[in-house]
Amino acid sequence: MLQCVDSPCESDTPRASGRVDCPLRTKRNTKKKYKTKAQSLGLTIDPNLRFEAYVREIVRHRFYRLKVLYRIRSYPNVNLRIRLVESIVLPKLNYCDTVYGPRLRASSKTLIQRVQNACSKFYFDVPS
């Protein structure tokens, strides 16, 4: 009699066709699981090469960095604020932009544009 080893089954008895009520795990019967995204050098690649998950992630992190910088925006002068943003916020946006830039959808481009606009507001101390 065949038994299901991986999961408890209601019935482990073979049917008339010789099958068991629960799936058996054998080397021939294993299902391959394909990942829906891959990560290489920090860039998250999806199957359609649209990089939407990557863009959402970096936009979220960059807005957090800007939020931290906004706490001290009254202290540094304009040149120092530009340096801070160019060294903390923008490098992650510019990393691999030649790879994902041509494949982005309009919604992802809008998200990146919002971060860049927020950076320019921080540069010149424009009220939100």
N, C-alpha and C. Protein backbone atom coordinates (compact mmCIF):
# COMPACT_ATOMS: atom_id res chain seq x y z
N MET A 1 0.84 -1.18 0.00
CA MET A 1 0.00 0.00 0.00
C MET A 1 0.89 1.24 0.00
N LEU A 2 0.54 2.23 -0.80
CA LEU A 2 1.29 3.48 -0.87
C LEU A 2 0.84 4.41 0.24
N GLN A 3 1.78 5.14 0.80
CA GLN A 3 1.44 6.10 1.85
C GLN A 3 2.02 7.45 1.50
N CYS A 4 1.30 8.46 1.90
CA CYS A 4 1.76 9.83 1.69
C CYS A 4 2.64 10.21 2.87
N VAL A 5 3.88 10.59 2.62
CA VAL A 5 4.83 10.84 3.69
C VAL A 5 4.84 12.31 4.11
N ASP A 6 4.69 13.24 3.16
CA ASP A 6 4.88 14.66 3.43
C ASP A 6 3.75 15.31 4.21
N SER A 7 2.53 14.94 3.95
CA SER A 7 1.41 15.59 4.61
C SER A 7 0.41 14.54 5.06
N PRO A 8 -0.30 14.82 6.15
CA PRO A 8 -1.30 13.84 6.58
C PRO A 8 -2.46 13.82 5.60
N CYS A 9 -2.91 12.65 5.26
CA CYS A 9 -4.00 12.50 4.30
C CYS A 9 -5.19 11.86 4.98
N GLU A 10 -6.34 12.14 4.45
CA GLU A 10 -7.54 11.52 4.98
C GLU A 10 -7.54 10.03 4.66
N SER A 11 -7.10 9.73 3.48
CA SER A 11 -7.12 8.33 3.05
C SER A 11 -5.86 8.05 2.26
N ASP A 12 -5.12 7.06 2.69
CA ASP A 12 -3.90 6.67 1.99
C ASP A 12 -4.11 5.42 1.14
N THR A 13 -5.34 5.05 0.92
CA THR A 13 -5.60 3.84 0.16
C THR A 13 -5.59 4.14 -1.33
N PRO A 14 -5.06 3.26 -2.13
CA PRO A 14 -5.05 3.50 -3.57
C PRO A 14 -6.46 3.39 -4.15
N ARG A 15 -6.71 4.18 -5.15
CA ARG A 15 -7.98 4.11 -5.86
C ARG A 15 -7.93 2.95 -6.85
N ALA A 16 -9.01 2.81 -7.56
CA ALA A 16 -9.08 1.74 -8.56
C ALA A 16 -8.05 1.94 -9.66
N SER A 17 -7.75 3.21 -9.94
CA SER A 17 -6.77 3.49 -10.99
C SER A 17 -5.34 3.35 -10.50
N GLY A 18 -5.16 3.08 -9.21
CA GLY A 18 -3.83 2.92 -8.67
C GLY A 18 -3.26 4.20 -8.08
N ARG A 19 -4.04 5.29 -8.12
CA ARG A 19 -3.56 6.55 -7.57
C ARG A 19 -3.88 6.63 -6.08
N VAL A 20 -3.15 7.47 -5.40
CA VAL A 20 -3.38 7.73 -3.98
C VAL A 20 -4.08 9.07 -3.88
N ASP A 21 -4.91 9.26 -2.86
CA ASP A 21 -5.68 10.49 -2.70
C ASP A 21 -4.82 11.73 -2.47
N CYS A 22 -3.63 11.58 -1.98
CA CYS A 22 -2.77 12.74 -1.76
C CYS A 22 -1.54 12.62 -2.66
N PRO A 23 -0.93 13.77 -3.00
CA PRO A 23 0.23 13.71 -3.91
C PRO A 23 1.45 13.10 -3.23
N LEU A 24 2.16 12.30 -3.94
CA LEU A 24 3.41 11.72 -3.44
C LEU A 24 4.57 12.59 -3.86
N ARG A 25 5.58 12.63 -3.04
CA ARG A 25 6.79 13.38 -3.35
C ARG A 25 7.85 12.39 -3.82
N THR A 26 8.06 12.36 -5.09
CA THR A 26 9.14 11.56 -5.64
C THR A 26 9.98 12.46 -6.51
N LYS A 27 11.12 12.00 -6.90
CA LYS A 27 12.00 12.83 -7.72
C LYS A 27 11.39 13.11 -9.08
N ARG A 28 10.62 12.20 -9.60
CA ARG A 28 9.99 12.41 -10.89
C ARG A 28 8.76 13.32 -10.78
N ASN A 29 8.16 13.37 -9.61
CA ASN A 29 6.90 14.08 -9.45
C ASN A 29 7.07 15.46 -8.82
N THR A 30 8.28 15.91 -8.61
CA THR A 30 8.47 17.20 -7.95
C THR A 30 8.16 18.33 -8.91
N LYS A 31 7.53 19.32 -8.37
CA LYS A 31 7.22 20.51 -9.16
C LYS A 31 8.29 21.54 -8.91
N LYS A 32 8.79 22.14 -9.96
CA LYS A 32 9.81 23.16 -9.82
C LYS A 32 9.16 24.49 -9.55
N LYS A 33 9.64 25.16 -8.56
CA LYS A 33 9.11 26.47 -8.22
C LYS A 33 10.00 27.54 -8.85
N TYR A 34 9.38 28.40 -9.60
CA TYR A 34 10.11 29.48 -10.23
C TYR A 34 9.89 30.75 -9.44
N LYS A 35 10.93 31.50 -9.25
CA LYS A 35 10.82 32.75 -8.52
C LYS A 35 10.26 33.83 -9.45
N THR A 36 9.50 34.74 -8.85
CA THR A 36 8.92 35.81 -9.66
C THR A 36 9.84 37.01 -9.76
N LYS A 37 10.90 37.02 -8.97
CA LYS A 37 11.86 38.11 -9.07
C LYS A 37 13.24 37.60 -8.68
N ALA A 38 14.25 38.28 -9.17
CA ALA A 38 15.63 37.93 -8.85
C ALA A 38 16.36 39.21 -8.48
N GLN A 39 17.41 39.06 -7.73
CA GLN A 39 18.16 40.24 -7.32
C GLN A 39 19.62 40.05 -7.68
N SER A 40 20.16 41.03 -8.38
CA SER A 40 21.55 40.99 -8.79
C SER A 40 22.16 42.36 -8.56
N LEU A 41 23.20 42.41 -7.77
CA LEU A 41 23.91 43.64 -7.45
C LEU A 41 22.97 44.72 -6.90
N GLY A 42 21.97 44.30 -6.12
CA GLY A 42 21.05 45.24 -5.52
C GLY A 42 19.88 45.64 -6.37
N LEU A 43 19.84 45.19 -7.60
CA LEU A 43 18.76 45.53 -8.52
C LEU A 43 17.78 44.36 -8.57
N THR A 44 16.52 44.62 -8.22
CA THR A 44 15.50 43.59 -8.25
C THR A 44 14.92 43.50 -9.65
N ILE A 45 15.00 42.32 -10.24
CA ILE A 45 14.57 42.12 -11.62
C ILE A 45 13.31 41.25 -11.61
N ASP A 46 12.25 41.74 -12.25
CA ASP A 46 11.02 40.96 -12.35
C ASP A 46 10.97 40.29 -13.73
N PRO A 47 10.05 39.35 -13.94
CA PRO A 47 10.02 38.60 -15.21
C PRO A 47 9.75 39.47 -16.44
N ASN A 48 9.01 40.56 -16.28
CA ASN A 48 8.69 41.42 -17.42
C ASN A 48 9.72 42.52 -17.64
N LEU A 49 10.74 42.58 -16.81
CA LEU A 49 11.77 43.61 -16.87
C LEU A 49 11.18 45.02 -16.78
N ARG A 50 10.23 45.19 -15.87
CA ARG A 50 9.62 46.50 -15.64
C ARG A 50 10.16 47.17 -14.38
N PHE A 51 10.80 46.43 -13.51
CA PHE A 51 11.49 46.94 -12.32
C PHE A 51 10.57 47.73 -11.39
N GLU A 52 9.29 47.40 -11.38
CA GLU A 52 8.33 48.16 -10.57
C GLU A 52 8.58 47.97 -9.07
N ALA A 53 8.86 46.75 -8.65
CA ALA A 53 9.12 46.50 -7.23
C ALA A 53 10.38 47.23 -6.78
N TYR A 54 11.39 47.24 -7.62
CA TYR A 54 12.63 47.92 -7.29
C TYR A 54 12.40 49.42 -7.15
N VAL A 55 11.65 50.01 -8.08
CA VAL A 55 11.41 51.45 -8.05
C VAL A 55 10.59 51.82 -6.81
N ARG A 56 9.56 51.03 -6.50
CA ARG A 56 8.76 51.31 -5.30
C ARG A 56 9.63 51.26 -4.05
N GLU A 57 10.51 50.29 -4.00
CA GLU A 57 11.38 50.13 -2.83
C GLU A 57 12.34 51.31 -2.68
N ILE A 58 13.00 51.71 -3.76
CA ILE A 58 13.96 52.80 -3.63
C ILE A 58 13.26 54.12 -3.38
N VAL A 59 12.08 54.32 -3.94
CA VAL A 59 11.34 55.56 -3.68
C VAL A 59 10.96 55.64 -2.21
N ARG A 60 10.51 54.53 -1.66
CA ARG A 60 10.14 54.51 -0.23
C ARG A 60 11.34 54.83 0.65
N HIS A 61 12.46 54.21 0.35
CA HIS A 61 13.67 54.45 1.15
C HIS A 61 14.20 55.88 0.97
N ARG A 62 14.12 56.41 -0.23
CA ARG A 62 14.62 57.77 -0.48
C ARG A 62 13.74 58.81 0.20
N PHE A 63 12.43 58.60 0.23
CA PHE A 63 11.56 59.53 0.95
C PHE A 63 11.84 59.49 2.45
N TYR A 64 12.18 58.32 2.96
CA TYR A 64 12.56 58.24 4.38
C TYR A 64 13.84 59.03 4.64
N ARG A 65 14.82 58.90 3.74
CA ARG A 65 16.06 59.67 3.92
C ARG A 65 15.80 61.18 3.87
N LEU A 66 14.93 61.59 2.97
CA LEU A 66 14.58 63.01 2.91
C LEU A 66 13.86 63.46 4.17
N LYS A 67 13.02 62.61 4.71
CA LYS A 67 12.32 62.93 5.95
C LYS A 67 13.31 63.18 7.08
N VAL A 68 14.35 62.37 7.13
CA VAL A 68 15.39 62.56 8.14
C VAL A 68 16.13 63.88 7.90
N LEU A 69 16.42 64.19 6.65
CA LEU A 69 17.13 65.43 6.34
C LEU A 69 16.27 66.67 6.60
N TYR A 70 14.96 66.55 6.44
CA TYR A 70 14.08 67.70 6.67
C TYR A 70 14.11 68.16 8.13
N ARG A 71 14.47 67.29 9.04
CA ARG A 71 14.56 67.68 10.45
C ARG A 71 15.66 68.72 10.68
N ILE A 72 16.70 68.68 9.84
CA ILE A 72 17.82 69.60 10.04
C ILE A 72 17.93 70.64 8.93
N ARG A 73 16.89 70.83 8.15
CA ARG A 73 17.01 71.69 6.97
C ARG A 73 17.26 73.16 7.32
N SER A 74 16.91 73.61 8.49
CA SER A 74 17.12 75.01 8.83
C SER A 74 18.58 75.30 9.21
N TYR A 75 19.35 74.28 9.54
CA TYR A 75 20.73 74.50 9.98
C TYR A 75 21.73 74.68 8.84
N PRO A 76 21.83 73.75 7.89
CA PRO A 76 22.87 73.92 6.86
C PRO A 76 22.47 74.94 5.79
N ASN A 77 23.49 75.49 5.16
CA ASN A 77 23.21 76.43 4.06
C ASN A 77 22.87 75.65 2.79
N VAL A 78 22.59 76.36 1.70
CA VAL A 78 22.13 75.72 0.46
C VAL A 78 23.18 74.76 -0.10
N ASN A 79 24.44 75.15 -0.10
CA ASN A 79 25.49 74.29 -0.66
C ASN A 79 25.61 72.98 0.11
N LEU A 80 25.51 73.06 1.42
CA LEU A 80 25.59 71.85 2.23
C LEU A 80 24.35 70.97 2.03
N ARG A 81 23.19 71.58 1.89
CA ARG A 81 21.97 70.79 1.64
C ARG A 81 22.08 70.07 0.30
N ILE A 82 22.61 70.74 -0.72
CA ILE A 82 22.79 70.10 -2.03
C ILE A 82 23.75 68.92 -1.91
N ARG A 83 24.83 69.11 -1.19
CA ARG A 83 25.79 68.02 -0.99
C ARG A 83 25.17 66.84 -0.26
N LEU A 84 24.37 67.14 0.77
CA LEU A 84 23.73 66.06 1.53
C LEU A 84 22.80 65.23 0.66
N VAL A 85 21.99 65.90 -0.12
CA VAL A 85 21.04 65.18 -0.98
C VAL A 85 21.78 64.41 -2.07
N GLU A 86 22.80 65.02 -2.65
CA GLU A 86 23.55 64.34 -3.70
C GLU A 86 24.36 63.17 -3.18
N SER A 87 24.66 63.14 -1.91
CA SER A 87 25.43 62.03 -1.37
C SER A 87 24.57 60.98 -0.67
N ILE A 88 23.38 61.36 -0.20
CA ILE A 88 22.55 60.42 0.55
C ILE A 88 21.34 59.93 -0.25
N VAL A 89 20.68 60.81 -0.97
CA VAL A 89 19.41 60.45 -1.61
C VAL A 89 19.59 60.05 -3.07
N LEU A 90 20.24 60.86 -3.85
CA LEU A 90 20.28 60.65 -5.30
C LEU A 90 21.12 59.47 -5.79
N PRO A 91 22.20 59.07 -5.12
CA PRO A 91 22.97 57.95 -5.67
C PRO A 91 22.17 56.67 -5.86
N LYS A 92 21.27 56.37 -4.96
CA LYS A 92 20.47 55.16 -5.09
C LYS A 92 19.49 55.27 -6.27
N LEU A 93 19.00 56.49 -6.54
CA LEU A 93 18.14 56.67 -7.70
C LEU A 93 18.93 56.54 -9.00
N ASN A 94 20.15 57.01 -9.00
CA ASN A 94 20.96 57.01 -10.22
C ASN A 94 21.62 55.66 -10.49
N TYR A 95 21.66 54.80 -9.47
CA TYR A 95 22.30 53.50 -9.63
C TYR A 95 21.47 52.64 -10.59
N CYS A 96 22.05 52.16 -11.63
CA CYS A 96 21.43 51.30 -12.65
C CYS A 96 20.30 51.98 -13.40
N ASP A 97 20.27 53.30 -13.43
CA ASP A 97 19.18 53.97 -14.15
C ASP A 97 19.26 53.73 -15.66
N THR A 98 20.45 53.46 -16.18
CA THR A 98 20.55 53.15 -17.60
C THR A 98 19.98 51.77 -17.91
N VAL A 99 19.91 50.90 -16.90
CA VAL A 99 19.34 49.56 -17.11
C VAL A 99 17.82 49.62 -17.04
N TYR A 100 17.28 50.20 -15.95
CA TYR A 100 15.84 50.16 -15.78
C TYR A 100 15.11 51.35 -16.39
N GLY A 101 15.80 52.42 -16.70
CA GLY A 101 15.16 53.63 -17.22
C GLY A 101 14.33 53.44 -18.47
N PRO A 102 14.86 52.80 -19.52
CA PRO A 102 14.07 52.64 -20.75
C PRO A 102 12.86 51.71 -20.60
N ARG A 103 12.84 50.86 -19.58
CA ARG A 103 11.77 49.87 -19.42
C ARG A 103 10.68 50.30 -18.44
N LEU A 104 10.80 51.49 -17.84
CA LEU A 104 9.84 51.91 -16.81
C LEU A 104 8.51 52.32 -17.42
N ARG A 105 7.48 52.08 -16.65
CA ARG A 105 6.15 52.57 -17.02
C ARG A 105 6.01 54.00 -16.54
N ALA A 106 4.98 54.68 -16.99
CA ALA A 106 4.77 56.09 -16.64
C ALA A 106 4.55 56.26 -15.14
N SER A 107 3.90 55.31 -14.50
CA SER A 107 3.65 55.43 -13.05
C SER A 107 4.96 55.37 -12.27
N SER A 108 5.88 54.51 -12.69
CA SER A 108 7.17 54.42 -12.01
C SER A 108 8.01 55.67 -12.25
N LYS A 109 7.93 56.21 -13.46
CA LYS A 109 8.65 57.45 -13.75
C LYS A 109 8.11 58.60 -12.91
N THR A 110 6.81 58.60 -12.68
CA THR A 110 6.20 59.64 -11.84
C THR A 110 6.69 59.54 -10.40
N LEU A 111 6.85 58.33 -9.90
CA LEU A 111 7.36 58.15 -8.53
C LEU A 111 8.77 58.71 -8.40
N ILE A 112 9.61 58.40 -9.37
CA ILE A 112 10.98 58.91 -9.33
C ILE A 112 10.99 60.44 -9.44
N GLN A 113 10.12 60.98 -10.29
CA GLN A 113 10.03 62.43 -10.45
C GLN A 113 9.59 63.10 -9.15
N ARG A 114 8.72 62.45 -8.39
CA ARG A 114 8.29 63.01 -7.10
C ARG A 114 9.45 63.11 -6.12
N VAL A 115 10.31 62.10 -6.11
CA VAL A 115 11.49 62.14 -5.23
C VAL A 115 12.42 63.27 -5.67
N GLN A 116 12.63 63.41 -6.97
CA GLN A 116 13.51 64.47 -7.46
C GLN A 116 12.94 65.85 -7.15
N ASN A 117 11.62 66.01 -7.26
CA ASN A 117 11.00 67.30 -6.92
C ASN A 117 11.14 67.60 -5.43
N ALA A 118 10.98 66.57 -4.60
CA ALA A 118 11.15 66.76 -3.16
C ALA A 118 12.59 67.14 -2.82
N CYS A 119 13.54 66.59 -3.56
CA CYS A 119 14.95 66.95 -3.36
C CYS A 119 15.19 68.42 -3.71
N SER A 120 14.61 68.88 -4.80
CA SER A 120 14.81 70.27 -5.18
C SER A 120 14.12 71.21 -4.19
N LYS A 121 13.00 70.81 -3.64
CA LYS A 121 12.36 71.62 -2.59
C LYS A 121 13.23 71.70 -1.35
N PHE A 122 13.89 70.59 -1.04
CA PHE A 122 14.79 70.59 0.11
C PHE A 122 16.00 71.46 -0.16
N TYR A 123 16.53 71.43 -1.39
CA TYR A 123 17.69 72.25 -1.73
C TYR A 123 17.45 73.71 -1.37
N PHE A 124 16.38 74.24 -1.88
CA PHE A 124 16.15 75.68 -1.83
C PHE A 124 15.15 76.08 -0.77
N ASP A 125 14.84 75.17 0.15
CA ASP A 125 13.98 75.46 1.29
C ASP A 125 12.63 76.01 0.87
N VAL A 126 12.03 75.38 -0.12
CA VAL A 126 10.70 75.76 -0.59
C VAL A 126 9.68 75.08 0.32
N PRO A 127 8.71 75.81 0.86
CA PRO A 127 7.72 75.15 1.72
C PRO A 127 6.85 74.19 0.92
N SER A 128 6.46 73.12 1.54
CA SER A 128 5.65 72.10 0.87
C SER A 128 4.20 72.49 0.82
